[in-house]
Structure formats: C-alpha cells, structure tokens
Amino acid sequence: MAILEAMSHGIPVVTTPVGAIGDAVRDGENGLLVEPGDPEALATALVRLVGSAALCRSLGIRSRDRFLADFSLEAHVARLRGIYAGVAAPLASPQPA
C-alpha cells in the first residue's frame, strides 16, 4: 500500500519487483526497480534520484498518472461497472418465449 500511496502523490518510488509490485511500478517508466538483497543497486538508484531533479519529476508525474489510470477509486469503480454490465447484459436481453 505504501507504494500506491506514494504514487498517488507523485512521489518517485524505488522498490523491488516482488509480489505484485511489478504490476504497478515499471522500471525507468514510473519508478526504479532493484533486485532484492542488492544494497549497491538500491544505493545507486537512490543516488540517481537525489542527483536528478528532472528524473524525480518525470518519474513522479508518470507514477501519479499510472495511479490515477489503474489504481484510483474511480478506476476500480469503472472496472466494476464493466464487470457488472457484462454479467447483467444477458439478463437484460429479452428471453425467447
């Protein structure tokens, strides 16, 4: 949840690609991914962010965009509406007598 919360605020994320994190964070696109247990890679990623305001800004903007498009309440409601509409459509069709 912390990753999604950061993304919702446009904060660039440095994380590992474990579990479903890879579904939310794409390396170099809207965050930085490092291998688990690799402190040097983590340090390198953090130094990249600290050293580049432009990188922080671009990752943060794309991170927020990704959150709004795929993980916001509105995105979830739209997906649920689509599911319900798909299930209900056959029920709304006139049944042959």
PDB file of N, CA and C in Angstrom:
ATOM      1  N   MET A   1       0.816  -1.200   0.000  1.00  0.00           N
ATOM      2  CA  MET A   1       0.000   0.000   0.000  1.00  0.00           C
ATOM      3  C   MET A   1       0.861   1.266   0.000  1.00  0.00           C
ATOM      4  N   ALA A   2       2.006   1.221   0.656  1.00  0.00           N
ATOM      5  CA  ALA A   2       2.855   2.415   0.714  1.00  0.00           C
ATOM      6  C   ALA A   2       3.285   2.849  -0.674  1.00  0.00           C
ATOM      7  N   ILE A   3       3.530   1.892  -1.547  1.00  0.00           N
ATOM      8  CA  ILE A   3       3.936   2.223  -2.914  1.00  0.00           C
ATOM      9  C   ILE A   3       2.797   2.939  -3.636  1.00  0.00           C
ATOM     10  N   LEU A   4       1.592   2.418  -3.533  1.00  0.00           N
ATOM     11  CA  LEU A   4       0.451   3.066  -4.179  1.00  0.00           C
ATOM     12  C   LEU A   4       0.179   4.438  -3.579  1.00  0.00           C
ATOM     13  N   GLU A   5       0.357   4.581  -2.284  1.00  0.00           N
ATOM     14  CA  GLU A   5       0.162   5.878  -1.647  1.00  0.00           C
ATOM     15  C   GLU A   5       1.180   6.883  -2.167  1.00  0.00           C
ATOM     16  N   ALA A   6       2.437   6.468  -2.284  1.00  0.00           N
ATOM     17  CA  ALA A   6       3.467   7.354  -2.828  1.00  0.00           C
ATOM     18  C   ALA A   6       3.120   7.733  -4.264  1.00  0.00           C
ATOM     19  N   MET A   7       2.728   6.748  -5.053  1.00  0.00           N
ATOM     20  CA  MET A   7       2.370   7.009  -6.441  1.00  0.00           C
ATOM     21  C   MET A   7       1.216   8.008  -6.534  1.00  0.00           C
ATOM     22  N   SER A   8       0.245   7.882  -5.645  1.00  0.00           N
ATOM     23  CA  SER A   8      -0.917   8.776  -5.687  1.00  0.00           C
ATOM     24  C   SER A   8      -0.530  10.234  -5.440  1.00  0.00           C
ATOM     25  N   HIS A   9       0.611  10.441  -4.793  1.00  0.00           N
ATOM     26  CA  HIS A   9       1.090  11.802  -4.501  1.00  0.00           C
ATOM     27  C   HIS A   9       2.188  12.249  -5.457  1.00  0.00           C
ATOM     28  N   GLY A  10       2.489  11.406  -6.456  1.00  0.00           N
ATOM     29  CA  GLY A  10       3.519  11.772  -7.421  1.00  0.00           C
ATOM     30  C   GLY A  10       4.930  11.675  -6.882  1.00  0.00           C
ATOM     31  N   ILE A  11       5.120  10.808  -5.909  1.00  0.00           N
ATOM     32  CA  ILE A  11       6.447  10.611  -5.331  1.00  0.00           C
ATOM     33  C   ILE A  11       7.128   9.459  -6.067  1.00  0.00           C
ATOM     34  N   PRO A  12       8.352   9.681  -6.575  1.00  0.00           N
ATOM     35  CA  PRO A  12       9.033   8.586  -7.269  1.00  0.00           C
ATOM     36  C   PRO A  12       9.331   7.439  -6.304  1.00  0.00           C
ATOM     37  N   VAL A  13       9.214   6.221  -6.809  1.00  0.00           N
ATOM     38  CA  VAL A  13       9.334   5.024  -5.984  1.00  0.00           C
ATOM     39  C   VAL A  13      10.587   4.239  -6.372  1.00  0.00           C
ATOM     40  N   VAL A  14      11.319   3.785  -5.364  1.00  0.00           N
ATOM     41  CA  VAL A  14      12.401   2.824  -5.552  1.00  0.00           C
ATOM     42  C   VAL A  14      11.989   1.593  -4.767  1.00  0.00           C
ATOM     43  N   THR A  15      11.895   0.460  -5.441  1.00  0.00           N
ATOM     44  CA  THR A  15      11.396  -0.747  -4.793  1.00  0.00           C
ATOM     45  C   THR A  15      11.948  -1.991  -5.475  1.00  0.00           C
ATOM     46  N   THR A  16      11.591  -3.129  -4.942  1.00  0.00           N
ATOM     47  CA  THR A  16      11.990  -4.402  -5.536  1.00  0.00           C
ATOM     48  C   THR A  16      10.800  -5.010  -6.276  1.00  0.00           C
ATOM     49  N   PRO A  17      11.061  -5.780  -7.331  1.00  0.00           N
ATOM     50  CA  PRO A  17       9.959  -6.359  -8.101  1.00  0.00           C
ATOM     51  C   PRO A  17       9.454  -7.671  -7.517  1.00  0.00           C
ATOM     52  N   VAL A  18       8.951  -7.602  -6.299  1.00  0.00           N
ATOM     53  CA  VAL A  18       8.427  -8.809  -5.655  1.00  0.00           C
ATOM     54  C   VAL A  18       6.902  -8.721  -5.587  1.00  0.00           C
ATOM     55  N   GLY A  19       6.271  -9.868  -5.538  1.00  0.00           N
ATOM     56  CA  GLY A  19       4.812  -9.895  -5.464  1.00  0.00           C
ATOM     57  C   GLY A  19       4.207  -9.185  -6.653  1.00  0.00           C
ATOM     58  N   ALA A  20       3.216  -8.377  -6.382  1.00  0.00           N
ATOM     59  CA  ALA A  20       2.501  -7.674  -7.448  1.00  0.00           C
ATOM     60  C   ALA A  20       3.065  -6.282  -7.715  1.00  0.00           C
ATOM     61  N   ILE A  21       4.192  -5.956  -7.123  1.00  0.00           N
ATOM     62  CA  ILE A  21       4.768  -4.618  -7.305  1.00  0.00           C
ATOM     63  C   ILE A  21       5.056  -4.342  -8.775  1.00  0.00           C
ATOM     64  N   GLY A  22       5.505  -5.356  -9.502  1.00  0.00           N
ATOM     65  CA  GLY A  22       5.779  -5.184 -10.920  1.00  0.00           C
ATOM     66  C   GLY A  22       4.543  -4.827 -11.728  1.00  0.00           C
ATOM     67  N   ASP A  23       3.359  -5.060 -11.180  1.00  0.00           N
ATOM     68  CA  ASP A  23       2.117  -4.654 -11.845  1.00  0.00           C
ATOM     69  C   ASP A  23       1.907  -3.144 -11.761  1.00  0.00           C
ATOM     70  N   ALA A  24       2.502  -2.522 -10.752  1.00  0.00           N
ATOM     71  CA  ALA A  24       2.306  -1.092 -10.534  1.00  0.00           C
ATOM     72  C   ALA A  24       3.507  -0.262 -10.976  1.00  0.00           C
ATOM     73  N   VAL A  25       4.696  -0.764 -10.700  1.00  0.00           N
ATOM     74  CA  VAL A  25       5.911   0.003 -10.965  1.00  0.00           C
ATOM     75  C   VAL A  25       6.667  -0.619 -12.129  1.00  0.00           C
ATOM     76  N   ARG A  26       6.962   0.213 -13.119  1.00  0.00           N
ATOM     77  CA  ARG A  26       7.743  -0.225 -14.282  1.00  0.00           C
ATOM     78  C   ARG A  26       9.068   0.516 -14.258  1.00  0.00           C
ATOM     79  N   ASP A  27      10.138  -0.253 -14.236  1.00  0.00           N
ATOM     80  CA  ASP A  27      11.479   0.300 -14.078  1.00  0.00           C
ATOM     81  C   ASP A  27      11.788   1.360 -15.131  1.00  0.00           C
ATOM     82  N   GLY A  28      12.176   2.537 -14.648  1.00  0.00           N
ATOM     83  CA  GLY A  28      12.554   3.624 -15.530  1.00  0.00           C
ATOM     84  C   GLY A  28      11.382   4.379 -16.123  1.00  0.00           C
ATOM     85  N   GLU A  29      10.190   3.839 -15.977  1.00  0.00           N
ATOM     86  CA  GLU A  29       9.000   4.497 -16.527  1.00  0.00           C
ATOM     87  C   GLU A  29       8.289   5.317 -15.459  1.00  0.00           C
ATOM     88  N   ASN A  30       7.953   4.673 -14.345  1.00  0.00           N
ATOM     89  CA  ASN A  30       7.273   5.390 -13.267  1.00  0.00           C
ATOM     90  C   ASN A  30       7.878   5.068 -11.904  1.00  0.00           C
ATOM     91  N   GLY A  31       9.074   4.534 -11.897  1.00  0.00           N
ATOM     92  CA  GLY A  31       9.793   4.216 -10.674  1.00  0.00           C
ATOM     93  C   GLY A  31      11.077   3.498 -11.029  1.00  0.00           C
ATOM     94  N   LEU A  32      11.807   3.124 -10.009  1.00  0.00           N
ATOM     95  CA  LEU A  32      13.037   2.368 -10.206  1.00  0.00           C
ATOM     96  C   LEU A  32      12.928   1.059  -9.451  1.00  0.00           C
ATOM     97  N   LEU A  33      13.266  -0.025 -10.123  1.00  0.00           N
ATOM     98  CA  LEU A  33      13.247  -1.351  -9.507  1.00  0.00           C
ATOM     99  C   LEU A  33      14.672  -1.828  -9.292  1.00  0.00           C
ATOM    100  N   VAL A  34      14.908  -2.416  -8.128  1.00  0.00           N
ATOM    101  CA  VAL A  34      16.207  -3.013  -7.816  1.00  0.00           C
ATOM    102  C   VAL A  34      15.963  -4.442  -7.332  1.00  0.00           C
ATOM    103  N   GLU A  35      16.935  -5.272  -7.533  1.00  0.00           N
ATOM    104  CA  GLU A  35      16.795  -6.665  -7.110  1.00  0.00           C
ATOM    105  C   GLU A  35      16.811  -6.761  -5.585  1.00  0.00           C
ATOM    106  N   PRO A  36      16.011  -7.647  -5.034  1.00  0.00           N
ATOM    107  CA  PRO A  36      16.012  -7.838  -3.579  1.00  0.00           C
ATOM    108  C   PRO A  36      17.403  -8.271  -3.104  1.00  0.00           C
ATOM    109  N   GLY A  37      17.803  -7.763  -1.971  1.00  0.00           N
ATOM    110  CA  GLY A  37      19.079  -8.156  -1.372  1.00  0.00           C
ATOM    111  C   GLY A  37      20.293  -7.547  -2.035  1.00  0.00           C
ATOM    112  N   ASP A  38      20.114  -6.502  -2.833  1.00  0.00           N
ATOM    113  CA  ASP A  38      21.234  -5.860  -3.523  1.00  0.00           C
ATOM    114  C   ASP A  38      21.371  -4.417  -3.041  1.00  0.00           C
ATOM    115  N   PRO A  39      22.070  -4.221  -1.919  1.00  0.00           N
ATOM    116  CA  PRO A  39      22.178  -2.870  -1.356  1.00  0.00           C
ATOM    117  C   PRO A  39      22.905  -1.898  -2.278  1.00  0.00           C
ATOM    118  N   GLU A  40      23.831  -2.388  -3.091  1.00  0.00           N
ATOM    119  CA  GLU A  40      24.532  -1.498  -4.018  1.00  0.00           C
ATOM    120  C   GLU A  40      23.570  -0.951  -5.075  1.00  0.00           C
ATOM    121  N   ALA A  41      22.700  -1.818  -5.589  1.00  0.00           N
ATOM    122  CA  ALA A  41      21.719  -1.371  -6.577  1.00  0.00           C
ATOM    123  C   ALA A  41      20.748  -0.373  -5.951  1.00  0.00           C
ATOM    124  N   LEU A  42      20.353  -0.612  -4.716  1.00  0.00           N
ATOM    125  CA  LEU A  42      19.475   0.326  -4.017  1.00  0.00           C
ATOM    126  C   LEU A  42      20.163   1.673  -3.862  1.00  0.00           C
ATOM    127  N   ALA A  43      21.428   1.660  -3.422  1.00  0.00           N
ATOM    128  CA  ALA A  43      22.179   2.906  -3.252  1.00  0.00           C
ATOM    129  C   ALA A  43      22.308   3.642  -4.582  1.00  0.00           C
ATOM    130  N   THR A  44      22.581   2.916  -5.651  1.00  0.00           N
ATOM    131  CA  THR A  44      22.727   3.524  -6.973  1.00  0.00           C
ATOM    132  C   THR A  44      21.422   4.186  -7.405  1.00  0.00           C
ATOM    133  N   ALA A  45      20.311   3.499  -7.202  1.00  0.00           N
ATOM    134  CA  ALA A  45      19.012   4.060  -7.575  1.00  0.00           C
ATOM    135  C   ALA A  45      18.709   5.323  -6.778  1.00  0.00           C
ATOM    136  N   LEU A  46      18.974   5.289  -5.481  1.00  0.00           N
ATOM    137  CA  LEU A  46      18.712   6.464  -4.647  1.00  0.00           C
ATOM    138  C   LEU A  46      19.611   7.631  -5.034  1.00  0.00           C
ATOM    139  N   VAL A  47      20.863   7.355  -5.349  1.00  0.00           N
ATOM    140  CA  VAL A  47      21.780   8.410  -5.783  1.00  0.00           C
ATOM    141  C   VAL A  47      21.294   9.010  -7.104  1.00  0.00           C
ATOM    142  N   ARG A  48      20.781   8.177  -8.003  1.00  0.00           N
ATOM    143  CA  ARG A  48      20.226   8.688  -9.262  1.00  0.00           C
ATOM    144  C   ARG A  48      19.107   9.686  -8.995  1.00  0.00           C
ATOM    145  N   LEU A  49      18.216   9.341  -8.072  1.00  0.00           N
ATOM    146  CA  LEU A  49      17.097  10.238  -7.771  1.00  0.00           C
ATOM    147  C   LEU A  49      17.567  11.525  -7.094  1.00  0.00           C
ATOM    148  N   VAL A  50      18.446  11.392  -6.124  1.00  0.00           N
ATOM    149  CA  VAL A  50      18.937  12.567  -5.403  1.00  0.00           C
ATOM    150  C   VAL A  50      19.690  13.497  -6.350  1.00  0.00           C
ATOM    151  N   GLY A  51      20.364  12.914  -7.329  1.00  0.00           N
ATOM    152  CA  GLY A  51      21.182  13.714  -8.244  1.00  0.00           C
ATOM    153  C   GLY A  51      20.443  14.291  -9.429  1.00  0.00           C
ATOM    154  N   SER A  52      19.177  13.976  -9.584  1.00  0.00           N
ATOM    155  CA  SER A  52      18.464  14.450 -10.771  1.00  0.00           C
ATOM    156  C   SER A  52      17.035  14.863 -10.435  1.00  0.00           C
ATOM    157  N   ALA A  53      16.856  16.170 -10.317  1.00  0.00           N
ATOM    158  CA  ALA A  53      15.506  16.686 -10.068  1.00  0.00           C
ATOM    159  C   ALA A  53      14.593  16.357 -11.245  1.00  0.00           C
ATOM    160  N   ALA A  54      15.153  16.371 -12.454  1.00  0.00           N
ATOM    161  CA  ALA A  54      14.344  16.074 -13.639  1.00  0.00           C
ATOM    162  C   ALA A  54      13.847  14.634 -13.610  1.00  0.00           C
ATOM    163  N   LEU A  55      14.700  13.701 -13.199  1.00  0.00           N
ATOM    164  CA  LEU A  55      14.290  12.294 -13.093  1.00  0.00           C
ATOM    165  C   LEU A  55      13.214  12.143 -12.029  1.00  0.00           C
ATOM    166  N   CYS A  56      13.412  12.769 -10.891  1.00  0.00           N
ATOM    167  CA  CYS A  56      12.392  12.719  -9.825  1.00  0.00           C
ATOM    168  C   CYS A  56      11.060  13.243 -10.344  1.00  0.00           C
ATOM    169  N   ARG A  57      11.107  14.363 -11.010  1.00  0.00           N
ATOM    170  CA  ARG A  57       9.880  14.984 -11.518  1.00  0.00           C
ATOM    171  C   ARG A  57       9.196  14.079 -12.540  1.00  0.00           C
ATOM    172  N   SER A  58       9.954  13.562 -13.505  1.00  0.00           N
ATOM    173  CA  SER A  58       9.332  12.750 -14.554  1.00  0.00           C
ATOM    174  C   SER A  58       8.803  11.433 -14.006  1.00  0.00           C
ATOM    175  N   LEU A  59       9.555  10.779 -13.132  1.00  0.00           N
ATOM    176  CA  LEU A  59       9.053   9.532 -12.532  1.00  0.00           C
ATOM    177  C   LEU A  59       7.831   9.811 -11.678  1.00  0.00           C
ATOM    178  N   GLY A  60       7.854  10.921 -10.939  1.00  0.00           N
ATOM    179  CA  GLY A  60       6.726  11.268 -10.082  1.00  0.00           C
ATOM    180  C   GLY A  60       5.462  11.552 -10.879  1.00  0.00           C
ATOM    181  N   ILE A  61       5.603  12.285 -11.981  1.00  0.00           N
ATOM    182  CA  ILE A  61       4.438  12.598 -12.826  1.00  0.00           C
ATOM    183  C   ILE A  61       3.852  11.322 -13.415  1.00  0.00           C
ATOM    184  N   ARG A  62       4.725  10.472 -13.965  1.00  0.00           N
ATOM    185  CA  ARG A  62       4.229   9.231 -14.577  1.00  0.00           C
ATOM    186  C   ARG A  62       3.686   8.268 -13.532  1.00  0.00           C
ATOM    187  N   SER A  63       4.248   8.324 -12.330  1.00  0.00           N
ATOM    188  CA  SER A  63       3.755   7.488 -11.237  1.00  0.00           C
ATOM    189  C   SER A  63       2.331   7.892 -10.861  1.00  0.00           C
ATOM    190  N   ARG A  64       2.093   9.180 -10.745  1.00  0.00           N
ATOM    191  CA  ARG A  64       0.744   9.658 -10.416  1.00  0.00           C
ATOM    192  C   ARG A  64      -0.230   9.332 -11.544  1.00  0.00           C
ATOM    193  N   ASP A  65       0.206   9.544 -12.781  1.00  0.00           N
ATOM    194  CA  ASP A  65      -0.650   9.203 -13.922  1.00  0.00           C
ATOM    195  C   ASP A  65      -1.028   7.722 -13.893  1.00  0.00           C
ATOM    196  N   ARG A  66      -0.054   6.868 -13.609  1.00  0.00           N
ATOM    197  CA  ARG A  66      -0.308   5.418 -13.548  1.00  0.00           C
ATOM    198  C   ARG A  66      -1.296   5.105 -12.429  1.00  0.00           C
ATOM    199  N   PHE A  67      -1.104   5.735 -11.270  1.00  0.00           N
ATOM    200  CA  PHE A  67      -2.022   5.513 -10.153  1.00  0.00           C
ATOM    201  C   PHE A  67      -3.445   5.901 -10.538  1.00  0.00           C
ATOM    202  N   LEU A  68      -3.612   7.094 -11.093  1.00  0.00           N
ATOM    203  CA  LEU A  68      -4.953   7.568 -11.444  1.00  0.00           C
ATOM    204  C   LEU A  68      -5.610   6.672 -12.483  1.00  0.00           C
ATOM    205  N   ALA A  69      -4.832   6.204 -13.446  1.00  0.00           N
ATOM    206  CA  ALA A  69      -5.396   5.391 -14.526  1.00  0.00           C
ATOM    207  C   ALA A  69      -5.766   3.987 -14.081  1.00  0.00           C
ATOM    208  N   ASP A  70      -4.991   3.412 -13.162  1.00  0.00           N
ATOM    209  CA  ASP A  70      -5.171   1.989 -12.863  1.00  0.00           C
ATOM    210  C   ASP A  70      -5.511   1.640 -11.419  1.00  0.00           C
ATOM    211  N   PHE A  71      -5.244   2.521 -10.473  1.00  0.00           N
ATOM    212  CA  PHE A  71      -5.389   2.134  -9.069  1.00  0.00           C
ATOM    213  C   PHE A  71      -6.268   3.067  -8.250  1.00  0.00           C
ATOM    214  N   SER A  72      -6.765   4.139  -8.823  1.00  0.00           N
ATOM    215  CA  SER A  72      -7.604   5.068  -8.070  1.00  0.00           C
ATOM    216  C   SER A  72      -8.987   4.458  -7.847  1.00  0.00           C
ATOM    217  N   LEU A  73      -9.736   5.064  -6.969  1.00  0.00           N
ATOM    218  CA  LEU A  73     -11.110   4.622  -6.711  1.00  0.00           C
ATOM    219  C   LEU A  73     -11.929   4.686  -7.990  1.00  0.00           C
ATOM    220  N   GLU A  74     -11.754   5.743  -8.755  1.00  0.00           N
ATOM    221  CA  GLU A  74     -12.501   5.894  -9.998  1.00  0.00           C
ATOM    222  C   GLU A  74     -12.178   4.756 -10.976  1.00  0.00           C
ATOM    223  N   ALA A  75     -10.905   4.377 -11.051  1.00  0.00           N
ATOM    224  CA  ALA A  75     -10.510   3.277 -11.948  1.00  0.00           C
ATOM    225  C   ALA A  75     -11.139   1.963 -11.494  1.00  0.00           C
ATOM    226  N   HIS A  76     -11.163   1.721 -10.194  1.00  0.00           N
ATOM    227  CA  HIS A  76     -11.777   0.497  -9.679  1.00  0.00           C
ATOM    228  C   HIS A  76     -13.285   0.476  -9.943  1.00  0.00           C
ATOM    229  N   VAL A  77     -13.938   1.606  -9.723  1.00  0.00           N
ATOM    230  CA  VAL A  77     -15.381   1.679  -9.963  1.00  0.00           C
ATOM    231  C   VAL A  77     -15.681   1.427 -11.439  1.00  0.00           C
ATOM    232  N   ALA A  78     -14.886   2.002 -12.325  1.00  0.00           N
ATOM    233  CA  ALA A  78     -15.101   1.788 -13.763  1.00  0.00           C
ATOM    234  C   ALA A  78     -14.945   0.314 -14.122  1.00  0.00           C
ATOM    235  N   ARG A  79     -13.941  -0.354 -13.546  1.00  0.00           N
ATOM    236  CA  ARG A  79     -13.766  -1.785 -13.813  1.00  0.00           C
ATOM    237  C   ARG A  79     -14.942  -2.593 -13.279  1.00  0.00           C
ATOM    238  N   LEU A  80     -15.400  -2.267 -12.083  1.00  0.00           N
ATOM    239  CA  LEU A  80     -16.553  -2.977 -11.510  1.00  0.00           C
ATOM    240  C   LEU A  80     -17.810  -2.761 -12.350  1.00  0.00           C
ATOM    241  N   ARG A  81     -18.016  -1.539 -12.809  1.00  0.00           N
ATOM    242  CA  ARG A  81     -19.175  -1.271 -13.671  1.00  0.00           C
ATOM    243  C   ARG A  81     -19.123  -2.128 -14.924  1.00  0.00           C
ATOM    244  N   GLY A  82     -17.937  -2.248 -15.500  1.00  0.00           N
ATOM    245  CA  GLY A  82     -17.772  -3.079 -16.692  1.00  0.00           C
ATOM    246  C   GLY A  82     -18.089  -4.535 -16.416  1.00  0.00           C
ATOM    247  N   ILE A  83     -17.645  -5.030 -15.269  1.00  0.00           N
ATOM    248  CA  ILE A  83     -17.929  -6.413 -14.888  1.00  0.00           C
ATOM    249  C   ILE A  83     -19.425  -6.611 -14.702  1.00  0.00           C
ATOM    250  N   TYR A  84     -20.045  -5.718 -13.930  1.00  0.00           N
ATOM    251  CA  TYR A  84     -21.483  -5.840 -13.688  1.00  0.00           C
ATOM    252  C   TYR A  84     -22.285  -5.711 -14.984  1.00  0.00           C
ATOM    253  N   ALA A  85     -21.882  -4.793 -15.856  1.00  0.00           N
ATOM    254  CA  ALA A  85     -22.585  -4.625 -17.129  1.00  0.00           C
ATOM    255  C   ALA A  85     -22.472  -5.892 -17.970  1.00  0.00           C
ATOM    256  N   GLY A  86     -21.312  -6.517 -17.960  1.00  0.00           N
ATOM    257  CA  GLY A  86     -21.124  -7.750 -18.714  1.00  0.00           C
ATOM    258  C   GLY A  86     -21.961  -8.897 -18.174  1.00  0.00           C
ATOM    259  N   VAL A  87     -22.089  -8.962 -16.871  1.00  0.00           N
ATOM    260  CA  VAL A  87     -22.890 -10.020 -16.245  1.00  0.00           C
ATOM    261  C   VAL A  87     -24.373  -9.751 -16.439  1.00  0.00           C
ATOM    262  N   ALA A  88     -24.767  -8.493 -16.354  1.00  0.00           N
ATOM    263  CA  ALA A  88     -26.181  -8.142 -16.425  1.00  0.00           C
ATOM    264  C   ALA A  88     -26.719  -8.114 -17.853  1.00  0.00           C
ATOM    265  N   ALA A  89     -25.859  -7.926 -18.843  1.00  0.00           N
ATOM    266  CA  ALA A  89     -26.315  -7.792 -20.234  1.00  0.00           C
ATOM    267  C   ALA A  89     -27.178  -8.969 -20.685  1.00  0.00           C
ATOM    268  N   PRO A  90     -26.766 -10.212 -20.443  1.00  0.00           N
ATOM    269  CA  PRO A  90     -27.619 -11.318 -20.868  1.00  0.00           C
ATOM    270  C   PRO A  90     -28.980 -11.329 -20.158  1.00  0.00           C
ATOM    271  N   LEU A  91     -29.024 -10.826 -18.957  1.00  0.00           N
ATOM    272  CA  LEU A  91     -30.278 -10.790 -18.198  1.00  0.00           C
ATOM    273  C   LEU A  91     -31.221  -9.724 -18.732  1.00  0.00           C
ATOM    274  N   ALA A  92     -30.659  -8.676 -19.336  1.00  0.00           N
ATOM    275  CA  ALA A  92     -31.484  -7.582 -19.848  1.00  0.00           C
ATOM    276  C   ALA A  92     -32.053  -7.888 -21.222  1.00  0.00           C
ATOM    277  N   SER A  93     -31.475  -8.854 -21.897  1.00  0.00           N
ATOM    278  CA  SER A  93     -31.971  -9.217 -23.227  1.00  0.00           C
ATOM    279  C   SER A  93     -33.298  -9.957 -23.109  1.00  0.00           C
ATOM    280  N   PRO A  94     -34.220  -9.691 -24.025  1.00  0.00           N
ATOM    281  CA  PRO A  94     -35.495 -10.426 -23.978  1.00  0.00           C
ATOM    282  C   PRO A  94     -35.223 -11.918 -24.189  1.00  0.00           C
ATOM    283  N   GLN A  95     -35.841 -12.704 -23.360  1.00  0.00           N
ATOM    284  CA  GLN A  95     -35.689 -14.162 -23.445  1.00  0.00           C
ATOM    285  C   GLN A  95     -36.734 -14.719 -24.413  1.00  0.00           C
ATOM    286  N   PRO A  96     -36.345 -15.665 -25.253  1.00  0.00           N
ATOM    287  CA  PRO A  96     -37.331 -16.265 -26.162  1.00  0.00           C
ATOM    288  C   PRO A  96     -38.429 -16.969 -25.369  1.00  0.00           C
ATOM    289  N   ALA A  97     -39.619 -16.870 -25.860  1.00  0.00           N
ATOM    290  CA  ALA A  97     -40.767 -17.462 -25.179  1.00  0.00           C
ATOM    291  C   ALA A  97     -40.948 -18.915 -25.560  1.00  0.00           C
TER     292      ALA A  97
END
